Each structure stands twice: as structure tokens, then as C-alpha cells.
PDB file of N, CA and C in Angstrom:
ATOM      1  N   UNK A   1     154.856 112.593 199.964  1.00  0.00           N
ATOM      2  CA  UNK A   1     155.475 111.280 199.943  1.00  0.00           C
ATOM      3  C   UNK A   1     154.551 110.279 200.621  1.00  0.00           C
ATOM      4  N   UNK A   2     154.217 109.230 199.925  1.00  0.00           N
ATOM      5  CA  UNK A   2     153.383 108.178 200.493  1.00  0.00           C
ATOM      6  C   UNK A   2     154.269 107.096 201.084  1.00  0.00           C
ATOM      7  N   UNK A   3     154.000 106.754 202.330  1.00  0.00           N
ATOM      8  CA  UNK A   3     154.802 105.750 203.018  1.00  0.00           C
ATOM      9  C   UNK A   3     153.927 104.592 203.467  1.00  0.00           C
ATOM     10  N   UNK A   4     154.603 103.507 203.808  1.00  0.00           N
ATOM     11  CA  UNK A   4     153.939 102.330 204.351  1.00  0.00           C
ATOM     12  C   UNK A   4     154.850 101.773 205.433  1.00  0.00           C
ATOM     13  N   UNK A   5     154.280 101.415 206.566  1.00  0.00           N
ATOM     14  CA  UNK A   5     155.091 100.866 207.653  1.00  0.00           C
ATOM     15  C   UNK A   5     155.401  99.395 207.342  1.00  0.00           C
ATOM     16  N   UNK A   6     156.486  98.861 207.895  1.00  0.00           N
ATOM     17  CA  UNK A   6     156.856  97.473 207.608  1.00  0.00           C
ATOM     18  C   UNK A   6     155.762  96.451 207.915  1.00  0.00           C
ATOM     19  N   UNK A   7     155.035  96.629 209.004  1.00  0.00           N
ATOM     20  CA  UNK A   7     153.961  95.673 209.338  1.00  0.00           C
ATOM     21  C   UNK A   7     152.860  95.691 208.288  1.00  0.00           C
ATOM     22  N   UNK A   8     152.444  96.881 207.876  1.00  0.00           N
ATOM     23  CA  UNK A   8     151.405  97.006 206.856  1.00  0.00           C
ATOM     24  C   UNK A   8     151.907  96.485 205.509  1.00  0.00           C
ATOM     25  N   UNK A   9     153.160  96.740 205.208  1.00  0.00           N
ATOM     26  CA  UNK A   9     153.744  96.245 203.968  1.00  0.00           C
ATOM     27  C   UNK A   9     153.701  94.723 203.925  1.00  0.00           C
ATOM     28  N   UNK A  10     154.079  94.089 205.006  1.00  0.00           N
ATOM     29  CA  UNK A  10     154.048  92.627 205.065  1.00  0.00           C
ATOM     30  C   UNK A  10     152.618  92.114 204.886  1.00  0.00           C
ATOM     31  N   UNK A  11     151.678  92.740 205.576  1.00  0.00           N
ATOM     32  CA  UNK A  11     150.277  92.325 205.477  1.00  0.00           C
ATOM     33  C   UNK A  11     149.770  92.461 204.043  1.00  0.00           C
ATOM     34  N   UNK A  12     150.049  93.593 203.422  1.00  0.00           N
ATOM     35  CA  UNK A  12     149.545  93.839 202.067  1.00  0.00           C
ATOM     36  C   UNK A  12     150.209  92.955 201.024  1.00  0.00           C
ATOM     37  N   UNK A  13     151.494  92.704 201.155  1.00  0.00           N
ATOM     38  CA  UNK A  13     152.162  91.846 200.169  1.00  0.00           C
ATOM     39  C   UNK A  13     151.716  90.398 200.321  1.00  0.00           C
ATOM     40  N   UNK A  14     151.363  89.994 201.538  1.00  0.00           N
ATOM     41  CA  UNK A  14     150.854  88.635 201.745  1.00  0.00           C
ATOM     42  C   UNK A  14     149.458  88.456 201.166  1.00  0.00           C
ATOM     43  N   UNK A  15     148.692  89.547 201.037  1.00  0.00           N
ATOM     44  CA  UNK A  15     147.292  89.458 200.619  1.00  0.00           C
ATOM     45  C   UNK A  15     146.984  90.066 199.252  1.00  0.00           C
ATOM     46  N   UNK A  16     147.975  90.639 198.582  1.00  0.00           N
ATOM     47  CA  UNK A  16     147.671  91.386 197.363  1.00  0.00           C
ATOM     48  C   UNK A  16     148.767  91.172 196.318  1.00  0.00           C
ATOM     49  N   UNK A  17     148.403  90.577 195.214  1.00  0.00           N
ATOM     50  CA  UNK A  17     149.370  90.314 194.147  1.00  0.00           C
ATOM     51  C   UNK A  17     149.712  91.567 193.350  1.00  0.00           C
ATOM     52  N   UNK A  18     148.995  92.649 193.566  1.00  0.00           N
ATOM     53  CA  UNK A  18     149.220  93.863 192.784  1.00  0.00           C
ATOM     54  C   UNK A  18     150.158  94.850 193.477  1.00  0.00           C
ATOM     55  N   UNK A  19     150.910  94.387 194.464  1.00  0.00           N
ATOM     56  CA  UNK A  19     151.877  95.217 195.155  1.00  0.00           C
ATOM     57  C   UNK A  19     153.208  94.475 195.156  1.00  0.00           C
ATOM     58  N   UNK A  20     154.279  95.198 194.870  1.00  0.00           N
ATOM     59  CA  UNK A  20     155.592  94.577 194.791  1.00  0.00           C
ATOM     60  C   UNK A  20     156.609  95.416 195.551  1.00  0.00           C
ATOM     61  N   UNK A  21     157.390  94.754 196.393  1.00  0.00           N
ATOM     62  CA  UNK A  21     158.466  95.421 197.126  1.00  0.00           C
ATOM     63  C   UNK A  21     159.733  95.325 196.291  1.00  0.00           C
ATOM     64  N   UNK A  22     160.408  96.454 196.131  1.00  0.00           N
ATOM     65  CA  UNK A  22     161.682  96.491 195.422  1.00  0.00           C
ATOM     66  C   UNK A  22     162.737  97.033 196.375  1.00  0.00           C
ATOM     67  N   UNK A  23     163.752  96.230 196.617  1.00  0.00           N
ATOM     68  CA  UNK A  23     164.890  96.619 197.442  1.00  0.00           C
ATOM     69  C   UNK A  23     165.864  97.347 196.524  1.00  0.00           C
ATOM     70  N   UNK A  24     166.066  98.643 196.763  1.00  0.00           N
ATOM     71  CA  UNK A  24     166.898  99.451 195.870  1.00  0.00           C
ATOM     72  C   UNK A  24     168.339  99.572 196.348  1.00  0.00           C
ATOM     73  N   UNK A  25     168.678  98.810 197.379  1.00  0.00           N
ATOM     74  CA  UNK A  25     170.063  98.834 197.848  1.00  0.00           C
ATOM     75  C   UNK A  25     170.973  98.203 196.797  1.00  0.00           C
ATOM     76  N   UNK A  26     172.270  98.452 196.947  1.00  0.00           N
ATOM     77  CA  UNK A  26     173.246  97.858 196.043  1.00  0.00           C
ATOM     78  C   UNK A  26     173.233  96.339 196.190  1.00  0.00           C
ATOM     79  N   UNK A  27     173.668  95.651 195.156  1.00  0.00           N
ATOM     80  CA  UNK A  27     173.636  94.188 195.130  1.00  0.00           C
ATOM     81  C   UNK A  27     174.371  93.579 196.315  1.00  0.00           C
ATOM     82  N   UNK A  28     175.538  94.119 196.674  1.00  0.00           N
ATOM     83  CA  UNK A  28     176.292  93.558 197.804  1.00  0.00           C
ATOM     84  C   UNK A  28     175.532  93.705 199.114  1.00  0.00           C
ATOM     85  N   UNK A  29     174.760  94.776 199.275  1.00  0.00           N
ATOM     86  CA  UNK A  29     173.948  94.952 200.477  1.00  0.00           C
ATOM     87  C   UNK A  29     172.830  93.918 200.506  1.00  0.00           C
ATOM     88  N   UNK A  30     172.192  93.745 199.364  1.00  0.00           N
ATOM     89  CA  UNK A  30     171.091  92.792 199.243  1.00  0.00           C
ATOM     90  C   UNK A  30     171.583  91.365 199.483  1.00  0.00           C
ATOM     91  N   UNK A  31     172.724  91.026 198.912  1.00  0.00           N
ATOM     92  CA  UNK A  31     173.257  89.670 199.076  1.00  0.00           C
ATOM     93  C   UNK A  31     173.592  89.363 200.523  1.00  0.00           C
ATOM     94  N   UNK A  32     173.989  90.375 201.281  1.00  0.00           N
ATOM     95  CA  UNK A  32     174.310  90.172 202.692  1.00  0.00           C
ATOM     96  C   UNK A  32     173.064  89.879 203.503  1.00  0.00           C
ATOM     97  N   UNK A  33     171.996  90.622 203.230  1.00  0.00           N
ATOM     98  CA  UNK A  33     170.764  90.470 203.998  1.00  0.00           C
ATOM     99  C   UNK A  33     169.594  90.995 203.187  1.00  0.00           C
ATOM    100  N   UNK A  34     168.524  90.197 203.096  1.00  0.00           N
ATOM    101  CA  UNK A  34     167.351  90.652 202.356  1.00  0.00           C
ATOM    102  C   UNK A  34     166.099  89.971 202.883  1.00  0.00           C
ATOM    103  N   UNK A  35     164.948  90.453 202.427  1.00  0.00           N
ATOM    104  CA  UNK A  35     163.665  89.879 202.862  1.00  0.00           C
ATOM    105  C   UNK A  35     163.007  89.060 201.755  1.00  0.00           C
ATOM    106  N   UNK A  36     163.750  88.769 200.698  1.00  0.00           N
ATOM    107  CA  UNK A  36     163.231  87.925 199.637  1.00  0.00           C
ATOM    108  C   UNK A  36     162.490  88.649 198.528  1.00  0.00           C
ATOM    109  N   UNK A  37     162.515  89.957 198.538  1.00  0.00           N
ATOM    110  CA  UNK A  37     161.866  90.708 197.470  1.00  0.00           C
ATOM    111  C   UNK A  37     162.851  90.911 196.315  1.00  0.00           C
ATOM    112  N   UNK A  38     162.377  91.527 195.260  1.00  0.00           N
ATOM    113  CA  UNK A  38     163.216  91.798 194.095  1.00  0.00           C
ATOM    114  C   UNK A  38     164.253  92.868 194.437  1.00  0.00           C
ATOM    115  N   UNK A  39     165.486  92.688 193.964  1.00  0.00           N
ATOM    116  CA  UNK A  39     166.544  93.679 194.139  1.00  0.00           C
ATOM    117  C   UNK A  39     166.812  94.356 192.806  1.00  0.00           C
ATOM    118  N   UNK A  40     166.548  95.651 192.767  1.00  0.00           N
ATOM    119  CA  UNK A  40     166.907  96.475 191.615  1.00  0.00           C
ATOM    120  C   UNK A  40     167.595  97.711 192.182  1.00  0.00           C
ATOM    121  N   UNK A  41     168.945  97.749 192.141  1.00  0.00           N
ATOM    122  CA  UNK A  41     169.654  98.904 192.693  1.00  0.00           C
ATOM    123  C   UNK A  41     169.127 100.220 192.116  1.00  0.00           C
ATOM    124  N   UNK A  42     169.225 101.248 192.917  1.00  0.00           N
ATOM    125  CA  UNK A  42     168.645 102.558 192.614  1.00  0.00           C
ATOM    126  C   UNK A  42     168.945 103.026 191.184  1.00  0.00           C
ATOM    127  N   UNK A  43     170.209 103.050 190.785  1.00  0.00           N
ATOM    128  CA  UNK A  43     170.553 103.545 189.455  1.00  0.00           C
ATOM    129  C   UNK A  43     170.006 102.646 188.360  1.00  0.00           C
ATOM    130  N   UNK A  44     170.018 101.354 188.593  1.00  0.00           N
ATOM    131  CA  UNK A  44     169.490 100.414 187.603  1.00  0.00           C
ATOM    132  C   UNK A  44     167.995 100.645 187.396  1.00  0.00           C
ATOM    133  N   UNK A  45     167.284 100.891 188.487  1.00  0.00           N
ATOM    134  CA  UNK A  45     165.844 101.147 188.384  1.00  0.00           C
ATOM    135  C   UNK A  45     165.583 102.420 187.594  1.00  0.00           C
ATOM    136  N   UNK A  46     166.356 103.455 187.851  1.00  0.00           N
ATOM    137  CA  UNK A  46     166.192 104.704 187.094  1.00  0.00           C
ATOM    138  C   UNK A  46     166.444 104.485 185.606  1.00  0.00           C
ATOM    139  N   UNK A  47     167.441 103.656 185.289  1.00  0.00           N
ATOM    140  CA  UNK A  47     167.773 103.402 183.884  1.00  0.00           C
ATOM    141  C   UNK A  47     166.740 102.525 183.190  1.00  0.00           C
ATOM    142  N   UNK A  48     165.937 101.790 183.951  1.00  0.00           N
ATOM    143  CA  UNK A  48     164.973 100.845 183.367  1.00  0.00           C
ATOM    144  C   UNK A  48     163.544 101.111 183.841  1.00  0.00           C
ATOM    145  N   UNK A  49     163.218 102.348 184.071  1.00  0.00           N
ATOM    146  CA  UNK A  49     161.902 102.712 184.589  1.00  0.00           C
ATOM    147  C   UNK A  49     160.781 102.265 183.648  1.00  0.00           C
ATOM    148  N   UNK A  50     161.080 102.083 182.389  1.00  0.00           N
ATOM    149  CA  UNK A  50     160.079 101.636 181.419  1.00  0.00           C
ATOM    150  C   UNK A  50     159.552 100.246 181.746  1.00  0.00           C
ATOM    151  N   UNK A  51     160.303  99.488 182.559  1.00  0.00           N
ATOM    152  CA  UNK A  51     159.875  98.136 182.929  1.00  0.00           C
ATOM    153  C   UNK A  51     158.838  98.121 184.055  1.00  0.00           C
ATOM    154  N   UNK A  52     158.595  99.278 184.678  1.00  0.00           N
ATOM    155  CA  UNK A  52     157.592  99.350 185.738  1.00  0.00           C
ATOM    156  C   UNK A  52     156.196  99.423 185.133  1.00  0.00           C
ATOM    157  N   UNK A  53     155.260  98.780 185.788  1.00  0.00           N
ATOM    158  CA  UNK A  53     153.873  98.712 185.330  1.00  0.00           C
ATOM    159  C   UNK A  53     153.048  99.745 186.093  1.00  0.00           C
ATOM    160  N   UNK A  54     152.439 100.675 185.393  1.00  0.00           N
ATOM    161  CA  UNK A  54     151.637 101.717 186.051  1.00  0.00           C
ATOM    162  C   UNK A  54     150.422 101.171 186.778  1.00  0.00           C
ATOM    163  N   UNK A  55     150.031  99.933 186.507  1.00  0.00           N
ATOM    164  CA  UNK A  55     148.873  99.344 187.176  1.00  0.00           C
ATOM    165  C   UNK A  55     149.235  98.665 188.491  1.00  0.00           C
ATOM    166  N   UNK A  56     150.510  98.582 188.800  1.00  0.00           N
ATOM    167  CA  UNK A  56     150.984  97.904 190.001  1.00  0.00           C
ATOM    168  C   UNK A  56     151.462  98.942 191.006  1.00  0.00           C
ATOM    169  N   UNK A  57     151.309  98.647 192.284  1.00  0.00           N
ATOM    170  CA  UNK A  57     151.851  99.505 193.337  1.00  0.00           C
ATOM    171  C   UNK A  57     153.224  98.970 193.720  1.00  0.00           C
ATOM    172  N   UNK A  58     154.185  99.868 193.811  1.00  0.00           N
ATOM    173  CA  UNK A  58     155.546  99.495 194.171  1.00  0.00           C
ATOM    174  C   UNK A  58     155.912 100.093 195.516  1.00  0.00           C
ATOM    175  N   UNK A  59     156.541  99.277 196.347  1.00  0.00           N
ATOM    176  CA  UNK A  59     157.071  99.734 197.627  1.00  0.00           C
ATOM    177  C   UNK A  59     158.586  99.727 197.492  1.00  0.00           C
ATOM    178  N   UNK A  60     159.197 100.894 197.628  1.00  0.00           N
ATOM    179  CA  UNK A  60     160.650 100.998 197.563  1.00  0.00           C
ATOM    180  C   UNK A  60     161.226 100.854 198.962  1.00  0.00           C
ATOM    181  N   UNK A  61     162.315 100.110 199.049  1.00  0.00           N
ATOM    182  CA  UNK A  61     162.935  99.846 200.342  1.00  0.00           C
ATOM    183  C   UNK A  61     164.447  99.959 200.196  1.00  0.00           C
ATOM    184  N   UNK A  62     165.081 100.568 201.180  1.00  0.00           N
ATOM    185  CA  UNK A  62     166.536 100.596 201.252  1.00  0.00           C
ATOM    186  C   UNK A  62     166.908 100.247 202.692  1.00  0.00           C
ATOM    187  N   UNK A  63     168.015 100.772 203.198  1.00  0.00           N
ATOM    188  CA  UNK A  63     168.401 100.423 204.567  1.00  0.00           C
ATOM    189  C   UNK A  63     167.557 101.173 205.604  1.00  0.00           C
ATOM    190  N   UNK A  64     167.447 102.489 205.442  1.00  0.00           N
ATOM    191  CA  UNK A  64     166.729 103.296 206.433  1.00  0.00           C
ATOM    192  C   UNK A  64     165.554 104.083 205.845  1.00  0.00           C
ATOM    193  N   UNK A  65     165.451 104.115 204.548  1.00  0.00           N
ATOM    194  CA  UNK A  65     164.360 104.831 203.899  1.00  0.00           C
ATOM    195  C   UNK A  65     164.777 106.077 203.148  1.00  0.00           C
ATOM    196  N   UNK A  66     165.984 106.581 203.380  1.00  0.00           N
ATOM    197  CA  UNK A  66     166.391 107.841 202.754  1.00  0.00           C
ATOM    198  C   UNK A  66     166.581 107.718 201.242  1.00  0.00           C
ATOM    199  N   UNK A  67     167.275 106.694 200.798  1.00  0.00           N
ATOM    200  CA  UNK A  67     167.465 106.513 199.350  1.00  0.00           C
ATOM    201  C   UNK A  67     166.122 106.241 198.675  1.00  0.00           C
ATOM    202  N   UNK A  68     165.277 105.459 199.330  1.00  0.00           N
ATOM    203  CA  UNK A  68     163.963 105.142 198.766  1.00  0.00           C
ATOM    204  C   UNK A  68     163.120 106.413 198.620  1.00  0.00           C
ATOM    205  N   UNK A  69     163.194 107.309 199.582  1.00  0.00           N
ATOM    206  CA  UNK A  69     162.455 108.578 199.497  1.00  0.00           C
ATOM    207  C   UNK A  69     162.939 109.394 198.312  1.00  0.00           C
ATOM    208  N   UNK A  70     164.254 109.485 198.143  1.00  0.00           N
ATOM    209  CA  UNK A  70     164.812 110.256 197.026  1.00  0.00           C
ATOM    210  C   UNK A  70     164.378 109.665 195.689  1.00  0.00           C
ATOM    211  N   UNK A  71     164.450 108.352 195.565  1.00  0.00           N
ATOM    212  CA  UNK A  71     164.053 107.705 194.314  1.00  0.00           C
ATOM    213  C   UNK A  71     162.554 107.845 194.070  1.00  0.00           C
ATOM    214  N   UNK A  72     161.752 107.710 195.099  1.00  0.00           N
ATOM    215  CA  UNK A  72     160.302 107.876 194.950  1.00  0.00           C
ATOM    216  C   UNK A  72     159.974 109.273 194.443  1.00  0.00           C
ATOM    217  N   UNK A  73     160.643 110.275 194.971  1.00  0.00           N
ATOM    218  CA  UNK A  73     160.417 111.644 194.505  1.00  0.00           C
ATOM    219  C   UNK A  73     160.765 111.790 193.028  1.00  0.00           C
ATOM    220  N   UNK A  74     161.886 111.205 192.613  1.00  0.00           N
ATOM    221  CA  UNK A  74     162.268 111.251 191.196  1.00  0.00           C
ATOM    222  C   UNK A  74     161.233 110.547 190.326  1.00  0.00           C
ATOM    223  N   UNK A  75     160.801 109.380 190.751  1.00  0.00           N
ATOM    224  CA  UNK A  75     159.828 108.621 189.959  1.00  0.00           C
ATOM    225  C   UNK A  75     158.495 109.354 189.854  1.00  0.00           C
ATOM    226  N   UNK A  76     158.108 110.029 190.919  1.00  0.00           N
ATOM    227  CA  UNK A  76     156.837 110.766 190.899  1.00  0.00           C
ATOM    228  C   UNK A  76     156.945 112.057 190.110  1.00  0.00           C
ATOM    229  N   UNK A  77     157.959 112.854 190.423  1.00  0.00           N
ATOM    230  CA  UNK A  77     158.069 114.187 189.828  1.00  0.00           C
ATOM    231  C   UNK A  77     158.557 114.163 188.384  1.00  0.00           C
ATOM    232  N   UNK A  78     159.522 113.316 188.083  1.00  0.00           N
ATOM    233  CA  UNK A  78     160.122 113.328 186.752  1.00  0.00           C
ATOM    234  C   UNK A  78     159.568 112.259 185.815  1.00  0.00           C
ATOM    235  N   UNK A  79     159.049 111.176 186.368  1.00  0.00           N
ATOM    236  CA  UNK A  79     158.582 110.074 185.524  1.00  0.00           C
ATOM    237  C   UNK A  79     157.069 109.879 185.577  1.00  0.00           C
ATOM    238  N   UNK A  80     156.382 110.620 186.462  1.00  0.00           N
ATOM    239  CA  UNK A  80     154.929 110.602 186.499  1.00  0.00           C
ATOM    240  C   UNK A  80     154.284 109.418 187.198  1.00  0.00           C
ATOM    241  N   UNK A  81     155.027 108.690 188.002  1.00  0.00           N
ATOM    242  CA  UNK A  81     154.454 107.540 188.708  1.00  0.00           C
ATOM    243  C   UNK A  81     153.703 108.016 189.951  1.00  0.00           C
ATOM    244  N   UNK A  82     152.505 107.495 190.141  1.00  0.00           N
ATOM    245  CA  UNK A  82     151.731 107.851 191.330  1.00  0.00           C
ATOM    246  C   UNK A  82     151.539 106.655 192.249  1.00  0.00           C
ATOM    247  N   UNK A  83     152.054 105.521 191.845  1.00  0.00           N
ATOM    248  CA  UNK A  83     151.823 104.264 192.561  1.00  0.00           C
ATOM    249  C   UNK A  83     153.068 103.798 193.314  1.00  0.00           C
ATOM    250  N   UNK A  84     153.801 104.747 193.893  1.00  0.00           N
ATOM    251  CA  UNK A  84     155.050 104.449 194.588  1.00  0.00           C
ATOM    252  C   UNK A  84     154.883 104.733 196.079  1.00  0.00           C
ATOM    253  N   UNK A  85     155.216 103.743 196.898  1.00  0.00           N
ATOM    254  CA  UNK A  85     155.245 103.909 198.348  1.00  0.00           C
ATOM    255  C   UNK A  85     156.674 103.703 198.838  1.00  0.00           C
ATOM    256  N   UNK A  86     156.994 104.288 199.964  1.00  0.00           N
ATOM    257  CA  UNK A  86     158.302 104.097 200.596  1.00  0.00           C
ATOM    258  C   UNK A  86     158.081 103.387 201.918  1.00  0.00           C
ATOM    259  N   UNK A  87     158.814 102.289 202.118  1.00  0.00           N
ATOM    260  CA  UNK A  87     158.710 101.595 203.405  1.00  0.00           C
ATOM    261  C   UNK A  87     159.485 102.392 204.446  1.00  0.00           C
ATOM    262  N   UNK A  88     158.766 102.832 205.486  1.00  0.00           N
ATOM    263  CA  UNK A  88     159.404 103.613 206.533  1.00  0.00           C
ATOM    264  C   UNK A  88     160.476 102.789 207.232  1.00  0.00           C
ATOM    265  N   UNK A  89     161.612 103.390 207.439  1.00  0.00           N
ATOM    266  CA  UNK A  89     162.764 102.804 208.121  1.00  0.00           C
ATOM    267  C   UNK A  89     163.387 101.632 207.372  1.00  0.00           C
ATOM    268  N   UNK A  90     162.982 101.368 206.135  1.00  0.00           N
ATOM    269  CA  UNK A  90     163.620 100.376 205.285  1.00  0.00           C
ATOM    270  C   UNK A  90     163.752  98.997 205.910  1.00  0.00           C
ATOM    271  N   UNK A  91     164.829  98.306 205.531  1.00  0.00           N
ATOM    272  CA  UNK A  91     165.040  96.955 206.032  1.00  0.00           C
ATOM    273  C   UNK A  91     165.303  96.962 207.535  1.00  0.00           C
ATOM    274  N   UNK A  92     165.809  98.077 208.038  1.00  0.00           N
ATOM    275  CA  UNK A  92     165.997  98.210 209.481  1.00  0.00           C
ATOM    276  C   UNK A  92     164.646  98.158 210.189  1.00  0.00           C
ATOM    277  N   UNK A  93     163.664  98.861 209.659  1.00  0.00           N
ATOM    278  CA  UNK A  93     162.311  98.815 210.211  1.00  0.00           C
ATOM    279  C   UNK A  93     161.685  97.445 210.070  1.00  0.00           C
ATOM    280  N   UNK A  94     161.960  96.780 208.935  1.00  0.00           N
ATOM    281  CA  UNK A  94     161.434  95.427 208.728  1.00  0.00           C
ATOM    282  C   UNK A  94     161.966  94.501 209.814  1.00  0.00           C
ATOM    283  N   UNK A  95     163.251  94.609 210.096  1.00  0.00           N
ATOM    284  CA  UNK A  95     163.859  93.780 211.144  1.00  0.00           C
ATOM    285  C   UNK A  95     163.202  94.067 212.493  1.00  0.00           C
ATOM    286  N   UNK A  96     163.029  95.333 212.811  1.00  0.00           N
ATOM    287  CA  UNK A  96     162.472  95.718 214.112  1.00  0.00           C
ATOM    288  C   UNK A  96     161.006  95.321 214.256  1.00  0.00           C
ATOM    289  N   UNK A  97     160.222  95.441 213.193  1.00  0.00           N
ATOM    290  CA  UNK A  97     158.774  95.215 213.276  1.00  0.00           C
ATOM    291  C   UNK A  97     158.316  93.813 212.881  1.00  0.00           C
ATOM    292  N   UNK A  98     159.073  93.154 211.982  1.00  0.00           N
ATOM    293  CA  UNK A  98     158.602  91.886 211.426  1.00  0.00           C
ATOM    294  C   UNK A  98     159.517  90.687 211.670  1.00  0.00           C
ATOM    295  N   UNK A  99     160.834  90.910 211.689  1.00  0.00           N
ATOM    296  CA  UNK A  99     161.752  89.766 211.724  1.00  0.00           C
ATOM    297  C   UNK A  99     163.022  90.095 212.497  1.00  0.00           C
ATOM    298  N   UNK A 100     162.987  90.001 213.837  1.00  0.00           N
ATOM    299  CA  UNK A 100     164.164  90.321 214.636  1.00  0.00           C
ATOM    300  C   UNK A 100     165.350  89.394 214.382  1.00  0.00           C
ATOM    301  N   UNK A 101     165.118  88.245 213.729  1.00  0.00           N
ATOM    302  CA  UNK A 101     166.219  87.329 213.451  1.00  0.00           C
ATOM    303  C   UNK A 101     167.043  87.762 212.235  1.00  0.00           C
ATOM    304  N   UNK A 102     166.570  88.743 211.493  1.00  0.00           N
ATOM    305  CA  UNK A 102     167.260  89.228 210.298  1.00  0.00           C
ATOM    306  C   UNK A 102     168.568  89.904 210.714  1.00  0.00           C
ATOM    307  N   UNK A 103     169.665  89.452 210.179  1.00  0.00           N
ATOM    308  CA  UNK A 103     170.991  90.023 210.501  1.00  0.00           C
ATOM    309  C   UNK A 103     171.306  91.101 209.473  1.00  0.00           C
ATOM    310  N   UNK A 104     171.563  92.302 209.953  1.00  0.00           N
ATOM    311  CA  UNK A 104     171.815  93.417 209.054  1.00  0.00           C
ATOM    312  C   UNK A 104     173.289  93.809 208.978  1.00  0.00           C
ATOM    313  N   UNK A 105     174.053  93.507 209.988  1.00  0.00           N
ATOM    314  CA  UNK A 105     175.478  93.872 209.961  1.00  0.00           C
ATOM    315  C   UNK A 105     176.314  92.829 210.616  1.00  0.00           C
TER     316      UNK A 105
END
């Protein structure tokens, strides 16, 4: 499993157009609190995997990282994607490392 820490994720997304963060939490979770990235809930992403570009690196993010890890494994093992990273500690880690003003609950 390839991971990326929230600080490195922020640095890379600020400097690289070929990396995209996808928040895989449910829509209601995303609407409550988000970091401005694209929201594609886990099941929706699985149903529309054909829309992912193999030339782009994707960072999957959820609340703590567990759902993102499970989805990354599915995308790698069953769909053949090698360009998937998981943000360690999810949006919780983002709050702790990058934006303490982010309200999560």
C-alpha cells in the first residue's frame, strides 16, 4: 500500500497538476467538512472506475484512512491501477497537520 502524509499531499497538490485528491466519504460527510477536493463516494467511484485516468496519480482520502486503504487495494488488485496513494489518517490527519481550523464534528 502506497501512502502519502497530509503535509506531503498538500505540497504535491500545490505543485503538481498530475495529482488529484479524491474524498471517498459519503456526500453528507463531505458537505459537513471538506478540504475542497473532489468528492466521489466509495461505491460511486467503484461503479465509475472507467473515468479514472491511468496517467494521473490519485490520492484517496476518507475520515481516518481505513476506507481509502480498502478501496485502494480493490483498485490495485482488481482493476490494475498502480497510481493510487492513500492519505494517512485521512481528513483527520489533514486537520492535525495542515488546517487546525477545520471542523470535523
